[in-house]
Amino acid sequence: MKKITTYYLFLISFFFFNNYAQSQDYYSLISSVANCGISSGFVKTTTHIYVAMGCNSSGFELYVSDGTEPLRLVKQINATGAGWGADIGNFLPVGNKLYFTAKDDGQDNAELWMTDATEAGTKKIREIASGSRGSYPSYLTEMNGIVYFVAYSFEYGQELWRTDGTTNGTYPIIDMDEGSNGGLTNTRDLHAHGNTIYFCGRSSNNKFTEELYKTDGTESGTVLIKDINTVPFENSTSNQPSFPKYFFSYGNIILFTANDGIHGTELWKTDGTTAGTVLVKDINSGAGSSNPAESDSHYNQYILYKGEVYFAANDGVHGIELWKTDGTENGTVMVKDLSIESAQYQNVSHGKPCYPTIYKDKFYFYAYSSSYSLEEVSGAKAAGYQVWESDGTSAGTTQVTSSSPPAFAYPLRVCNDLVYFNYAYNASSILMKYDGAVLDTVTNKTSQDKYLHAANAGVCFNNTFYFNAGSTNRTYSFWEMSKGITTAITHSEKEEEENYYIIKDAQLEILTPYKISEIKVITAAGSEIAVPRLGPATFDVSALPAGMYIIKTNTDEKTLTKKIVLVK
């Protein structure tokens, strides 16, 4: 057994000085594309930025940039350009490759594709359901370099598949519900944790009811973890389904929601064993459902912050509000009632927090405000989201914005010491920025428009914020934003409190709210060494000799650097 001692962390990044009064921001127009519109937010690999864009000339197709070039069409996948074109969707970046779904030849035949940003390297991996039916792959999830997904085939129905990016390496793992019915018809997501995928499935051996399963990627390693709902259907020997969904890794356990037929849909946890799969708390006491991590149309909304997990839930009294958990019943509590019911508007009592993100030493999210000025519009109540910030306490959970019209609930983006979001303005959406103290608009210095009308969420790529903004005549422009002055500083340990490094059984696991793309282990002499990767955030340190190492973790928002000392 080895022990890790964590020393003070020095993390080098860039701080960009900003004076809002003097407007030192720089906005550069990368490209302008006429008669096009954005159909998706940006997604990035380690080398490129992608976006699905619908244009009159080509339909919905995939466009790409390396951050310095204009957006360009990757490949005309649907040669006819008819209807929705290629109808690009279901993005999953894996290293410098992007997996996605697309339709070709003008047919309704969505299949799995992959690209390396070149036309020659953009290909359909396999036609799973031939002809115009399409397999419609969904819930793409990467584990140890293999992509797992749910897809339909004529032979098996909706089942669990895997791919290594080749035709021969793309095949179904197991036919859970024998025949063409499909064992993953009602799944909501796939979740990778260590060397295991967790999911909701139904099998011929389990009375055809949706329950909690896991797989190691093999047929023999695909097993039922627990039959959570043991309440039978009326006049039937079959049990009702628990529908496990919205998985989230938290240390050595996975949080998820399920309905056991007694407590409604509530928060559960599992360690992958039957005995270790238990109800965390009956938040909405009795048969009512609190529906954790589900806020309005925003699903799977967890965030790890300072060792606890925050999510939305409805206790049946306060409405859908902000909660947190440490994985125990006593440690699962409401943080704050964000939207308090008023005598005048008794039907508006849900905060509905969504899209949480870490920024500096707090986390930010959208939620309805109890102080929001409601108006009567054609007999309906006009309401909307505001931006909030929280330090995890009720007193420290406060509004950042308070305005009518309200904010648009698009994902908040953090880049270069600023947080960006879209805000409603004159029936449009303008880009806003916040530095933790001052809220300001992102203004367009290169045209007569006062504001940049952001069409969708941007992306932080190579220390630069890229976004798409529209103007008139369906002309959309691709922008990059940087700052005037840069200098390197050392971040304090406080700014990295949301990231944790845990050692157990000679395995080092990184707990971070960001999506990890790459982990490097570097010796004190500066040499990178190969270390077996056991999962997206876990690797084996058993073979490493004692000494000091640098753990460099590349994520979707920033690079984390941690110094550790390994002691035998």
Protein backbone atom coordinates (compact mmCIF):
# COMPACT_ATOMS: atom_id res chain seq x y z
CA MET A 1 0.00 0.00 0.00
CA LYS A 2 1.33 3.41 -0.89
CA LYS A 3 0.41 6.75 0.61
CA ILE A 4 0.17 10.09 -1.10
CA THR A 5 1.05 13.31 0.71
CA THR A 6 -0.24 16.41 -1.04
CA TYR A 7 1.93 19.50 -0.87
CA TYR A 8 1.02 23.09 -1.62
CA LEU A 9 -0.10 23.46 -5.21
CA PHE A 10 1.31 26.13 -7.49
CA LEU A 11 -0.81 26.43 -10.61
CA ILE A 12 0.40 28.67 -13.41
CA SER A 13 -2.12 30.25 -15.74
CA PHE A 14 -2.89 33.62 -17.26
CA PHE A 15 -4.61 36.58 -15.70
CA PHE A 16 -5.96 39.23 -18.01
CA PHE A 17 -6.18 42.76 -16.67
CA ASN A 18 -9.44 44.42 -17.43
CA ASN A 19 -10.74 47.95 -17.04
CA TYR A 20 -14.36 48.11 -18.06
CA ALA A 21 -14.35 51.89 -18.31
CA GLN A 22 -11.48 51.84 -20.83
CA SER A 23 -12.72 48.67 -22.60
CA GLN A 24 -9.41 46.86 -23.08
CA ASP A 25 -11.13 43.80 -24.54
CA TYR A 26 -10.32 42.77 -28.08
CA TYR A 27 -12.84 41.07 -30.34
CA SER A 28 -11.69 39.70 -33.66
CA LEU A 29 -13.99 38.58 -36.45
CA ILE A 30 -12.84 35.14 -37.63
CA SER A 31 -15.44 34.62 -40.33
CA SER A 32 -18.89 35.64 -41.44
CA VAL A 33 -21.24 33.17 -43.11
CA ALA A 34 -24.37 34.41 -44.87
CA ASN A 35 -27.70 32.57 -44.95
CA CYS A 36 -26.71 30.27 -42.09
CA GLY A 37 -27.88 29.66 -38.56
CA ILE A 38 -26.49 27.82 -35.57
CA SER A 39 -28.21 24.57 -34.62
CA SER A 40 -25.86 23.53 -31.80
CA GLY A 41 -23.44 24.92 -29.29
CA PHE A 42 -19.70 24.65 -29.82
CA VAL A 43 -17.80 21.50 -28.93
CA LYS A 44 -14.02 21.11 -28.86
CA THR A 45 -11.43 18.38 -29.20
CA THR A 46 -7.79 18.80 -28.24
CA THR A 47 -7.08 20.40 -31.63
CA HIS A 48 -10.27 21.95 -33.07
CA ILE A 49 -13.62 23.64 -32.44
CA TYR A 50 -16.76 22.23 -34.10
CA VAL A 51 -20.30 23.47 -34.54
CA ALA A 52 -23.32 22.18 -36.46
CA MET A 53 -24.60 24.95 -38.69
CA GLY A 54 -27.58 25.08 -41.01
CA CYS A 55 -27.04 26.96 -44.27
CA ASN A 56 -29.37 27.48 -47.19
CA SER A 57 -26.84 25.98 -49.58
CA SER A 58 -25.94 22.82 -47.66
CA GLY A 59 -28.49 22.09 -44.92
CA PHE A 60 -27.26 21.23 -41.43
CA GLU A 61 -23.63 20.17 -41.67
CA LEU A 62 -20.49 20.11 -39.54
CA TYR A 63 -18.12 23.11 -39.52
CA VAL A 64 -14.68 23.34 -37.92
CA SER A 65 -11.87 25.74 -37.02
CA ASP A 66 -8.52 25.40 -35.31
CA GLY A 67 -9.09 28.80 -33.69
CA THR A 68 -7.07 30.78 -36.22
CA GLU A 69 -8.86 29.92 -39.47
CA PRO A 70 -12.42 30.82 -40.52
CA LEU A 71 -15.12 28.23 -39.93
CA ARG A 72 -15.09 25.77 -42.82
CA LEU A 73 -17.27 22.88 -43.86
CA VAL A 74 -15.69 19.61 -42.76
CA LYS A 75 -17.50 17.52 -45.35
CA GLN A 76 -20.79 17.61 -47.23
CA ILE A 77 -22.17 14.49 -45.55
CA ASN A 78 -25.65 14.78 -47.02
CA ALA A 79 -24.93 15.41 -50.67
CA THR A 80 -28.53 16.30 -51.46
CA GLY A 81 -28.71 19.15 -48.93
CA ALA A 82 -32.39 18.30 -48.60
CA GLY A 83 -34.55 18.75 -45.54
CA TRP A 84 -32.44 18.93 -42.40
CA GLY A 85 -29.32 17.99 -44.31
CA ALA A 86 -26.98 15.77 -42.32
CA ASP A 87 -28.79 16.69 -39.07
CA ILE A 88 -25.55 16.56 -37.04
CA GLY A 89 -25.81 15.78 -33.32
CA ASN A 90 -24.74 13.73 -30.26
CA PHE A 91 -21.17 15.07 -30.07
CA LEU A 92 -18.49 13.22 -28.11
CA PRO A 93 -14.87 14.48 -28.28
CA VAL A 94 -12.20 11.84 -27.63
CA GLY A 95 -8.68 13.25 -27.88
CA ASN A 96 -8.32 14.87 -31.33
CA LYS A 97 -11.28 12.92 -32.75
CA LEU A 98 -14.95 13.86 -32.68
CA TYR A 99 -17.69 11.21 -32.66
CA PHE A 100 -21.16 12.30 -33.75
CA THR A 101 -24.32 11.15 -35.48
CA ALA A 102 -25.34 12.18 -38.99
CA LYS A 103 -27.65 11.32 -41.89
CA ASP A 104 -26.37 10.96 -45.43
CA ASP A 105 -27.97 10.67 -48.90
CA GLY A 106 -31.07 12.60 -47.87
CA GLN A 107 -32.49 9.65 -45.93
CA ASP A 108 -33.67 9.47 -42.34
CA ASN A 109 -30.77 7.19 -41.50
CA ALA A 110 -28.77 8.60 -38.57
CA GLU A 111 -25.62 6.55 -37.95
CA LEU A 112 -22.36 6.94 -36.02
CA TRP A 113 -19.60 9.03 -37.63
CA MET A 114 -16.10 10.16 -36.69
CA THR A 115 -13.86 13.01 -37.86
CA ASP A 116 -10.32 14.28 -37.37
CA ALA A 117 -11.26 17.68 -38.95
CA THR A 118 -10.25 16.60 -42.45
CA GLU A 119 -12.59 15.60 -45.25
CA ALA A 120 -10.75 12.31 -45.80
CA GLY A 121 -10.84 11.54 -42.07
CA THR A 122 -14.59 12.11 -41.78
CA LYS A 123 -16.35 8.78 -42.16
CA LYS A 124 -19.36 6.72 -41.20
CA ILE A 125 -18.04 4.09 -38.81
CA ARG A 126 -20.67 1.47 -39.51
CA GLU A 127 -24.17 1.30 -40.98
CA ILE A 128 -25.87 -0.51 -38.11
CA ALA A 129 -29.44 -0.32 -39.45
CA SER A 130 -29.19 -0.38 -43.22
CA GLY A 131 -31.42 1.57 -45.56
CA SER A 132 -33.47 4.53 -44.52
CA ARG A 133 -34.21 3.33 -40.95
CA GLY A 134 -30.97 4.37 -39.24
CA SER A 135 -29.72 3.15 -35.86
CA TYR A 136 -29.90 6.59 -34.22
CA PRO A 137 -26.94 6.17 -31.82
CA SER A 138 -27.34 8.04 -28.52
CA TYR A 139 -25.73 8.52 -25.09
CA LEU A 140 -22.19 8.32 -26.49
CA THR A 141 -19.78 7.66 -23.59
CA GLU A 142 -16.02 7.03 -23.61
CA MET A 143 -14.26 4.56 -21.32
CA ASN A 144 -10.61 3.57 -21.73
CA GLY A 145 -10.52 4.69 -25.36
CA ILE A 146 -13.66 2.77 -26.36
CA VAL A 147 -16.92 4.58 -27.13
CA TYR A 148 -20.11 2.99 -25.78
CA PHE A 149 -23.54 3.96 -27.06
CA VAL A 150 -27.15 2.89 -27.46
CA ALA A 151 -28.27 2.01 -30.99
CA TYR A 152 -31.11 0.29 -32.83
CA SER A 153 -30.65 -2.68 -35.13
CA PHE A 154 -33.21 -4.82 -36.92
CA GLU A 155 -31.89 -7.97 -35.24
CA TYR A 156 -31.57 -6.79 -31.62
CA GLY A 157 -33.67 -3.66 -31.25
CA GLN A 158 -32.30 -0.90 -28.97
CA GLU A 159 -29.19 -2.34 -27.29
CA LEU A 160 -25.74 -1.44 -25.93
CA TRP A 161 -22.94 -1.13 -28.53
CA ARG A 162 -19.24 -0.30 -28.52
CA THR A 163 -16.75 1.03 -31.07
CA ASP A 164 -13.02 1.64 -31.35
CA GLY A 165 -13.58 3.83 -34.41
CA THR A 166 -13.34 0.98 -36.92
CA THR A 167 -16.09 -0.94 -38.69
CA ASN A 168 -14.97 -4.33 -37.36
CA GLY A 169 -14.53 -2.90 -33.87
CA THR A 170 -18.16 -1.72 -33.77
CA TYR A 171 -20.57 -4.33 -32.46
CA PRO A 172 -23.31 -4.98 -29.85
CA ILE A 173 -22.08 -6.05 -26.42
CA ILE A 174 -25.11 -8.11 -25.46
CA ASP A 175 -28.69 -8.81 -26.54
CA MET A 176 -30.28 -8.12 -23.15
CA ASP A 177 -33.91 -8.35 -24.19
CA GLU A 178 -33.74 -11.30 -26.56
CA GLY A 179 -35.14 -10.64 -29.97
CA SER A 180 -35.84 -7.30 -31.57
CA ASN A 181 -37.52 -5.58 -28.59
CA GLY A 182 -34.35 -4.02 -27.18
CA GLY A 183 -33.07 -3.98 -23.62
CA LEU A 184 -32.13 -0.29 -23.53
CA THR A 185 -35.31 1.18 -24.98
CA ASN A 186 -35.95 3.33 -21.90
CA THR A 187 -32.41 4.21 -20.83
CA ARG A 188 -31.62 7.86 -20.09
CA ASP A 189 -27.81 7.83 -20.09
CA LEU A 190 -24.67 5.73 -19.91
CA HIS A 191 -22.14 6.53 -17.20
CA ALA A 192 -18.47 5.54 -17.09
CA HIS A 193 -16.89 5.09 -13.66
CA GLY A 194 -13.48 3.45 -13.44
CA ASN A 195 -13.65 0.38 -15.67
CA THR A 196 -17.42 0.10 -15.55
CA ILE A 197 -20.40 1.49 -17.46
CA TYR A 198 -23.62 1.98 -15.45
CA PHE A 199 -26.99 2.15 -17.16
CA CYS A 200 -30.71 1.40 -17.05
CA GLY A 201 -31.63 -1.82 -18.84
CA ARG A 202 -34.14 -4.62 -19.07
CA SER A 203 -33.42 -8.24 -19.76
CA SER A 204 -35.23 -11.45 -20.58
CA ASN A 205 -33.84 -12.88 -17.34
CA ASN A 206 -35.29 -10.13 -15.16
CA LYS A 207 -38.98 -10.11 -16.12
CA PHE A 208 -38.48 -7.31 -18.63
CA THR A 209 -38.29 -4.47 -16.12
CA GLU A 210 -35.93 -1.46 -16.29
CA GLU A 211 -33.36 -1.71 -13.48
CA LEU A 212 -29.75 -0.86 -12.60
CA TYR A 213 -27.09 -2.69 -14.64
CA LYS A 214 -23.36 -2.45 -15.15
CA THR A 215 -20.92 -3.71 -17.77
CA ASP A 216 -17.18 -4.00 -18.21
CA GLY A 217 -17.69 -4.00 -21.97
CA THR A 218 -18.13 -7.75 -22.32
CA GLU A 219 -21.24 -9.94 -22.55
CA SER A 220 -20.32 -11.96 -19.45
CA GLY A 221 -19.49 -8.78 -17.55
CA THR A 222 -22.92 -7.22 -18.15
CA VAL A 223 -24.96 -7.93 -15.02
CA LEU A 224 -27.88 -6.69 -12.94
CA ILE A 225 -26.69 -4.78 -9.87
CA LYS A 226 -29.98 -4.62 -8.01
CA ASP A 227 -33.71 -5.01 -8.59
CA ILE A 228 -34.57 -1.69 -6.89
CA ASN A 229 -38.32 -1.71 -7.44
CA THR A 230 -39.77 -4.96 -6.10
CA VAL A 231 -43.40 -3.80 -6.17
CA PRO A 232 -45.29 -5.98 -8.68
CA PHE A 233 -47.70 -4.67 -11.27
CA GLU A 234 -51.32 -5.26 -10.39
CA ASN A 235 -52.45 -8.74 -11.41
CA SER A 236 -48.95 -9.61 -12.60
CA THR A 237 -45.87 -11.47 -11.42
CA SER A 238 -43.59 -8.82 -12.97
CA ASN A 239 -42.21 -5.99 -10.85
CA GLN A 240 -42.53 -2.34 -11.73
CA PRO A 241 -39.41 -0.59 -13.16
CA SER A 242 -37.20 1.74 -11.09
CA PHE A 243 -35.85 3.63 -14.15
CA PRO A 244 -32.37 4.53 -12.77
CA LYS A 245 -30.95 7.63 -14.46
CA TYR A 246 -28.86 10.81 -14.06
CA PHE A 247 -25.64 9.17 -12.84
CA PHE A 248 -22.82 11.15 -11.24
CA SER A 249 -19.48 9.90 -9.88
CA TYR A 250 -18.72 10.97 -6.32
CA GLY A 251 -15.55 9.42 -4.95
CA ASN A 252 -16.02 5.66 -4.90
CA ILE A 253 -19.80 5.81 -5.33
CA ILE A 254 -22.20 6.78 -8.08
CA LEU A 255 -25.20 8.96 -7.32
CA PHE A 256 -28.33 8.43 -9.41
CA THR A 257 -32.11 8.70 -9.22
CA ALA A 258 -34.55 5.79 -9.09
CA ASN A 259 -38.07 4.87 -8.01
CA ASP A 260 -38.38 1.89 -5.64
CA GLY A 261 -42.19 1.94 -5.82
CA ILE A 262 -42.45 3.18 -2.22
CA HIS A 263 -40.61 6.53 -1.99
CA GLY A 264 -41.09 7.91 -5.49
CA THR A 265 -38.14 9.02 -7.64
CA GLU A 266 -35.40 9.93 -5.16
CA LEU A 267 -31.62 10.13 -4.74
CA TRP A 268 -29.77 6.79 -4.59
CA LYS A 269 -26.15 5.70 -4.51
CA THR A 270 -24.25 2.57 -5.51
CA ASP A 271 -20.75 1.17 -5.18
CA GLY A 272 -21.51 -1.40 -7.87
CA THR A 273 -22.74 -4.07 -5.45
CA THR A 274 -26.24 -5.13 -4.47
CA ALA A 275 -25.68 -4.38 -0.78
CA GLY A 276 -24.06 -1.06 -1.60
CA THR A 277 -27.01 0.18 -3.66
CA VAL A 278 -29.23 2.14 -1.26
CA LEU A 279 -31.56 5.14 -0.99
CA VAL A 280 -29.64 8.24 0.12
CA LYS A 281 -32.67 10.19 1.32
CA ASP A 282 -36.43 10.37 0.80
CA ILE A 283 -36.36 14.10 0.05
CA ASN A 284 -40.05 14.33 -0.83
CA SER A 285 -41.33 12.23 2.06
CA GLY A 286 -43.65 9.37 1.17
CA ALA A 287 -44.70 8.32 -2.31
CA GLY A 288 -44.05 11.75 -3.83
CA SER A 289 -40.98 12.28 -6.04
CA SER A 290 -38.28 14.90 -5.51
CA ASN A 291 -36.81 14.17 -8.99
CA PRO A 292 -33.20 15.06 -8.07
CA ALA A 293 -30.93 16.60 -10.72
CA GLU A 294 -33.92 17.42 -12.91
CA SER A 295 -34.92 21.06 -13.25
CA ASP A 296 -37.60 21.95 -15.78
CA SER A 297 -36.14 20.85 -19.16
CA HIS A 298 -32.58 20.71 -17.81
CA TYR A 299 -31.52 17.20 -16.86
CA ASN A 300 -28.59 15.58 -15.07
CA GLN A 301 -27.60 18.83 -13.36
CA TYR A 302 -25.06 17.93 -10.66
CA ILE A 303 -21.91 19.81 -9.69
CA LEU A 304 -19.07 18.83 -7.35
CA TYR A 305 -18.06 21.80 -5.18
CA LYS A 306 -15.73 21.67 -2.17
CA GLY A 307 -16.35 18.00 -1.53
CA GLU A 308 -20.15 18.04 -1.81
CA VAL A 309 -22.55 17.51 -4.71
CA TYR A 310 -25.16 20.19 -5.51
CA PHE A 311 -28.36 19.53 -7.46
CA ALA A 312 -32.00 20.58 -7.85
CA ALA A 313 -34.77 18.74 -6.01
CA ASN A 314 -38.39 19.21 -4.89
CA ASP A 315 -39.22 18.31 -1.28
CA GLY A 316 -42.93 18.86 -1.89
CA VAL A 317 -42.94 22.00 0.27
CA HIS A 318 -40.52 24.53 -1.23
CA GLY A 319 -40.69 23.56 -4.89
CA ILE A 320 -37.67 22.78 -7.08
CA GLU A 321 -34.77 24.34 -5.18
CA LEU A 322 -31.02 24.02 -4.57
CA TRP A 323 -29.87 21.00 -2.53
CA LYS A 324 -26.54 19.41 -1.63
CA THR A 325 -25.35 16.01 -0.42
CA ASP A 326 -22.27 14.32 1.00
CA GLY A 327 -23.76 10.91 0.19
CA THR A 328 -25.43 10.47 3.56
CA GLU A 329 -29.04 11.01 4.66
CA ASN A 330 -28.13 13.62 7.30
CA GLY A 331 -25.78 15.36 4.89
CA THR A 332 -28.48 15.78 2.22
CA VAL A 333 -30.08 19.19 2.85
CA MET A 334 -31.65 22.13 1.04
CA VAL A 335 -29.20 24.99 0.56
CA LYS A 336 -31.72 27.75 -0.08
CA ASP A 337 -35.31 28.42 -1.12
CA LEU A 338 -34.48 30.59 -4.12
CA SER A 339 -37.99 31.45 -5.25
CA ILE A 340 -40.40 32.07 -2.38
CA GLU A 341 -44.09 31.85 -3.12
CA SER A 342 -45.87 35.19 -2.87
CA ALA A 343 -49.50 35.84 -2.05
CA GLN A 344 -50.02 37.46 -5.45
CA TYR A 345 -48.38 34.72 -7.54
CA GLN A 346 -48.89 31.49 -5.65
CA ASN A 347 -48.12 29.31 -8.66
CA VAL A 348 -44.58 30.68 -9.03
CA SER A 349 -42.58 29.02 -6.28
CA HIS A 350 -39.83 27.06 -8.02
CA GLY A 351 -36.23 28.28 -8.22
CA LYS A 352 -35.43 25.56 -10.79
CA PRO A 353 -31.62 25.95 -10.56
CA CYS A 354 -29.79 24.71 -13.66
CA TYR A 355 -26.49 24.85 -15.60
CA PRO A 356 -24.10 25.09 -12.61
CA THR A 357 -20.44 25.88 -13.24
CA ILE A 358 -17.38 26.58 -11.05
CA TYR A 359 -15.86 30.06 -11.25
CA LYS A 360 -13.05 31.17 -8.93
CA ASP A 361 -14.06 30.06 -5.40
CA LYS A 362 -17.84 29.90 -6.00
CA PHE A 363 -20.24 28.16 -8.31
CA TYR A 364 -22.73 29.90 -10.60
CA PHE A 365 -26.08 28.82 -12.00
CA TYR A 366 -29.40 30.04 -13.40
CA ALA A 367 -32.55 30.10 -11.25
CA TYR A 368 -35.85 31.88 -10.96
CA SER A 369 -35.72 34.71 -8.44
CA SER A 370 -38.26 35.46 -5.71
CA SER A 371 -37.54 39.15 -6.24
CA TYR A 372 -38.10 38.98 -9.99
CA SER A 373 -40.65 41.54 -11.14
CA LEU A 374 -43.52 39.49 -12.57
CA GLU A 375 -45.84 40.92 -15.16
CA GLU A 376 -49.20 39.92 -16.57
CA VAL A 377 -48.90 39.09 -20.28
CA SER A 378 -52.09 37.93 -22.01
CA GLY A 379 -53.29 36.41 -18.77
CA ALA A 380 -50.06 34.41 -18.26
CA LYS A 381 -47.30 35.03 -15.75
CA ALA A 382 -44.09 36.34 -17.33
CA ALA A 383 -41.03 35.03 -15.57
CA GLY A 384 -37.47 34.02 -16.30
CA TYR A 385 -34.06 33.06 -15.06
CA GLN A 386 -31.45 35.16 -13.28
CA VAL A 387 -27.78 34.33 -12.68
CA TRP A 388 -26.87 33.32 -9.12
CA GLU A 389 -23.64 32.60 -7.25
CA SER A 390 -23.09 30.43 -4.18
CA ASP A 391 -20.40 29.50 -1.68
CA GLY A 392 -22.48 26.51 -0.55
CA THR A 393 -24.31 28.32 2.27
CA SER A 394 -27.77 29.86 2.32
CA ALA A 395 -26.43 33.31 3.21
CA GLY A 396 -23.73 33.02 0.56
CA THR A 397 -26.19 32.13 -2.23
CA THR A 398 -27.16 35.40 -3.89
CA GLN A 399 -28.27 36.85 -7.21
CA VAL A 400 -25.73 38.27 -9.64
CA THR A 401 -28.34 39.68 -12.01
CA SER A 402 -31.73 41.20 -11.32
CA SER A 403 -33.30 42.49 -14.47
CA SER A 404 -36.31 42.36 -16.74
CA PRO A 405 -36.10 40.83 -19.32
CA PRO A 406 -34.28 37.95 -17.64
CA ALA A 407 -31.33 35.82 -18.70
CA PHE A 408 -31.45 33.02 -21.27
CA ALA A 409 -30.75 29.67 -19.66
CA TYR A 410 -27.78 28.64 -21.81
CA PRO A 411 -24.70 27.06 -20.21
CA LEU A 412 -22.41 29.53 -18.43
CA ARG A 413 -18.87 29.50 -19.82
CA VAL A 414 -15.67 30.30 -17.93
CA CYS A 415 -12.63 31.53 -19.82
CA ASN A 416 -9.60 33.64 -18.89
CA ASP A 417 -10.81 34.70 -15.46
CA LEU A 418 -14.28 35.74 -16.67
CA VAL A 419 -17.64 34.01 -16.80
CA TYR A 420 -19.84 34.54 -19.90
CA PHE A 421 -23.57 34.07 -20.40
CA ASN A 422 -26.42 35.17 -22.66
CA TYR A 423 -28.94 37.77 -21.54
CA ALA A 424 -32.27 38.80 -23.01
CA TYR A 425 -32.40 42.23 -24.59
CA ASN A 426 -35.07 43.57 -26.95
CA ALA A 427 -36.21 40.06 -27.94
CA SER A 428 -32.63 39.08 -28.67
CA SER A 429 -29.74 37.55 -26.75
CA ILE A 430 -26.66 39.57 -25.89
CA LEU A 431 -23.36 38.32 -24.53
CA MET A 432 -22.53 39.34 -20.94
CA LYS A 433 -19.37 38.98 -18.86
CA TYR A 434 -18.74 38.91 -15.13
CA ASP A 435 -15.47 39.05 -13.18
CA GLY A 436 -16.89 38.14 -9.78
CA ALA A 437 -17.61 41.77 -8.94
CA VAL A 438 -18.60 43.75 -12.05
CA LEU A 439 -21.24 42.74 -14.60
CA ASP A 440 -20.85 44.19 -18.10
CA THR A 441 -21.94 43.71 -21.70
CA VAL A 442 -19.60 42.42 -24.38
CA THR A 443 -19.71 45.19 -26.95
CA ASN A 444 -19.02 44.92 -30.65
CA LYS A 445 -16.27 47.40 -31.53
CA THR A 446 -16.19 46.59 -35.25
CA SER A 447 -19.71 47.48 -36.29
CA GLN A 448 -22.46 49.94 -35.50
CA ASP A 449 -24.24 47.39 -33.31
CA LYS A 450 -23.78 48.18 -29.64
CA TYR A 451 -23.91 44.59 -28.49
CA LEU A 452 -22.86 41.19 -29.72
CA HIS A 453 -26.04 39.20 -30.20
CA ALA A 454 -24.87 35.75 -29.14
CA ALA A 455 -26.78 32.92 -30.77
CA ASN A 456 -25.53 30.09 -28.61
CA ALA A 457 -23.07 29.10 -25.91
CA GLY A 458 -19.42 29.71 -26.74
CA VAL A 459 -16.33 27.68 -25.92
CA CYS A 460 -12.98 28.34 -24.21
CA PHE A 461 -10.20 26.98 -26.42
CA ASN A 462 -6.45 27.62 -26.04
CA ASN A 463 -7.08 30.47 -23.56
CA THR A 464 -9.41 32.26 -25.96
CA PHE A 465 -13.20 32.53 -25.87
CA TYR A 466 -14.88 31.72 -29.20
CA PHE A 467 -18.53 32.32 -29.89
CA ASN A 468 -21.04 32.88 -32.64
CA ALA A 469 -23.04 36.08 -32.99
CA GLY A 470 -25.83 36.93 -35.37
CA SER A 471 -26.98 40.16 -36.96
CA THR A 472 -29.45 40.79 -39.78
CA ASN A 473 -30.30 38.72 -42.86
CA ARG A 474 -29.36 35.44 -41.16
CA THR A 475 -25.66 36.29 -41.30
CA TYR A 476 -23.74 34.64 -38.46
CA SER A 477 -20.22 35.58 -37.50
CA PHE A 478 -17.56 33.55 -35.72
CA TRP A 479 -15.68 35.65 -33.13
CA GLU A 480 -12.70 35.22 -30.86
CA MET A 481 -12.18 37.30 -27.76
CA SER A 482 -8.96 37.90 -25.87
CA LYS A 483 -7.68 40.63 -23.58
CA GLY A 484 -5.16 43.42 -24.02
CA ILE A 485 -2.56 42.65 -21.34
CA THR A 486 -1.42 39.28 -20.05
CA THR A 487 0.91 38.24 -17.26
CA ALA A 488 1.56 34.99 -15.43
CA ILE A 489 0.66 34.67 -11.74
CA THR A 490 0.44 31.88 -9.20
CA HIS A 491 -3.05 30.82 -8.16
CA SER A 492 -3.68 30.22 -4.48
CA GLU A 493 -4.72 26.87 -3.06
CA LYS A 494 -8.14 28.38 -2.31
CA GLU A 495 -8.89 28.74 -6.00
CA GLU A 496 -8.40 25.00 -6.52
CA GLU A 497 -10.56 23.75 -3.66
CA GLU A 498 -13.06 22.24 -6.08
CA ASN A 499 -10.44 19.71 -7.25
CA TYR A 500 -9.53 16.73 -5.07
CA TYR A 501 -6.88 14.01 -5.38
CA ILE A 502 -7.70 10.74 -3.59
CA ILE A 503 -5.42 7.72 -3.16
CA LYS A 504 -6.84 4.28 -2.32
CA ASP A 505 -5.40 0.82 -2.98
CA ALA A 506 -2.55 2.32 -5.04
CA GLN A 507 -5.03 4.09 -7.32
CA LEU A 508 -4.99 7.88 -7.69
CA GLU A 509 -8.37 9.43 -8.54
CA ILE A 510 -8.92 13.05 -9.51
CA LEU A 511 -12.25 14.55 -8.46
CA THR A 512 -12.98 17.66 -10.50
CA PRO A 513 -16.12 19.37 -11.84
CA TYR A 514 -14.48 19.61 -15.26
CA LYS A 515 -14.47 16.97 -18.03
CA ILE A 516 -11.00 15.40 -18.22
CA SER A 517 -9.47 14.91 -21.65
CA GLU A 518 -5.89 13.92 -20.72
CA ILE A 519 -3.77 13.11 -17.64
CA LYS A 520 0.02 13.28 -17.66
CA VAL A 521 2.43 12.12 -14.93
CA ILE A 522 5.76 13.97 -14.96
CA THR A 523 8.83 13.19 -12.85
CA ALA A 524 10.75 15.76 -10.84
CA ALA A 525 13.32 15.74 -13.65
CA GLY A 526 10.64 16.80 -16.15
CA SER A 527 10.18 13.48 -17.98
CA GLU A 528 6.69 12.24 -18.80
CA ILE A 529 6.12 8.62 -17.81
CA ALA A 530 3.43 6.16 -18.87
CA VAL A 531 0.99 5.21 -16.11
CA PRO A 532 -1.88 2.73 -16.63
CA ARG A 533 -5.20 4.59 -16.93
CA LEU A 534 -7.98 2.76 -15.08
CA GLY A 535 -10.76 5.17 -15.93
CA PRO A 536 -11.50 8.73 -17.06
CA ALA A 537 -10.08 10.15 -13.81
CA THR A 538 -8.25 7.21 -12.20
CA PHE A 539 -4.85 5.65 -12.79
CA ASP A 540 -2.59 3.03 -11.20
CA VAL A 541 0.42 4.34 -9.24
CA SER A 542 1.44 0.99 -7.75
CA ALA A 543 4.51 0.64 -10.01
CA LEU A 544 5.83 4.15 -9.42
CA PRO A 545 8.88 4.47 -7.17
CA ALA A 546 8.72 6.78 -4.17
CA GLY A 547 9.36 10.42 -4.96
CA MET A 548 7.85 13.68 -6.19
CA TYR A 549 5.63 13.83 -9.29
CA ILE A 550 3.64 16.43 -11.18
CA ILE A 551 0.10 15.45 -12.18
CA LYS A 552 -1.00 17.53 -15.19
CA THR A 553 -4.69 17.21 -16.01
CA ASN A 554 -6.12 18.77 -19.18
CA THR A 555 -9.87 19.51 -18.91
CA ASP A 556 -12.53 21.22 -20.99
CA GLU A 557 -12.06 24.51 -19.12
CA LYS A 558 -8.53 24.62 -17.73
CA THR A 559 -5.31 22.72 -17.06
CA LEU A 560 -4.91 21.47 -13.48
CA THR A 561 -1.39 20.94 -12.16
CA LYS A 562 -0.75 19.18 -8.85
CA LYS A 563 2.51 18.30 -7.09
CA ILE A 564 2.38 15.05 -5.12
CA VAL A 565 4.90 13.08 -3.09
CA LEU A 566 4.54 9.30 -3.22
CA VAL A 567 5.66 7.56 -0.04
CA LYS A 568 5.95 3.80 0.22
